[in-house]
């Protein structure tokens, strides 16, 4: 998943400041961000710091992020160094948040459940691909525990570890779908883009509810290997990004 649809209202309580080095990052595409970093108008450390500050400001109200990477700024500094040495990978230095059922080296993958607290597997296929393209995974998004297969009457966006994810526009409304944390991350601009997973509506529902642009790829285009999922033959990773 990724970001708020252009023209959507700003989330309630959201700070008006969206600028890094004078650039409105909320209205800037990933290729445009790359151009700005290539021309030294901004760098990945500045961009990453911007999103880490927003998470600190907004996440206590939204509960959209379960974990923040302890190496996010170090990874951003490394991206800036490689860019100075001529690296121009398409996602180099771009801060991304992935759903907490996608395995990531160095951060727990819990599916929101205390049963998996402290579980630290290696990178899932999609995490490997993101990192190979230069992306910085700065955190893990909250979700419906076990991707909404915890129980029949489970609440969208609630997990034992992360609590209840709140829709950023109306805090007491349903953020929808098991990828609700990823949808709220995108809508509240807590990362440049967010990744969720879908078996049945877990991307399209939070994208619609939170005013995001969501992309649900054809099954098999993004491998679901190394994610805690309920239906391996029907689950796919997906992403959204503001336009």
Foldseek 3Di string as FASTA:
>chain_A
DAAFAPPDDAFPPFDPDQDQLRDNLNQAALVRVLVCLLVPSDFLLSQLVVLVVRCVVPCVLFLWFQWFAPCQNVLRVVLSVVVVVPDRQSAASFEEEEALQFADARDFRFLLAPVRVPHHDHGDPVNVVCVVSRYRHGGHTAFQRLFPPPDDPGATRAGNRRGRGAQRRDRPDRLDGRSSSQLNCRHSVSGQKYKYKDQDCRFVTNCVSNNWAKDDDDPPPAQPPRGSHDDRRRMHMIMTGYD
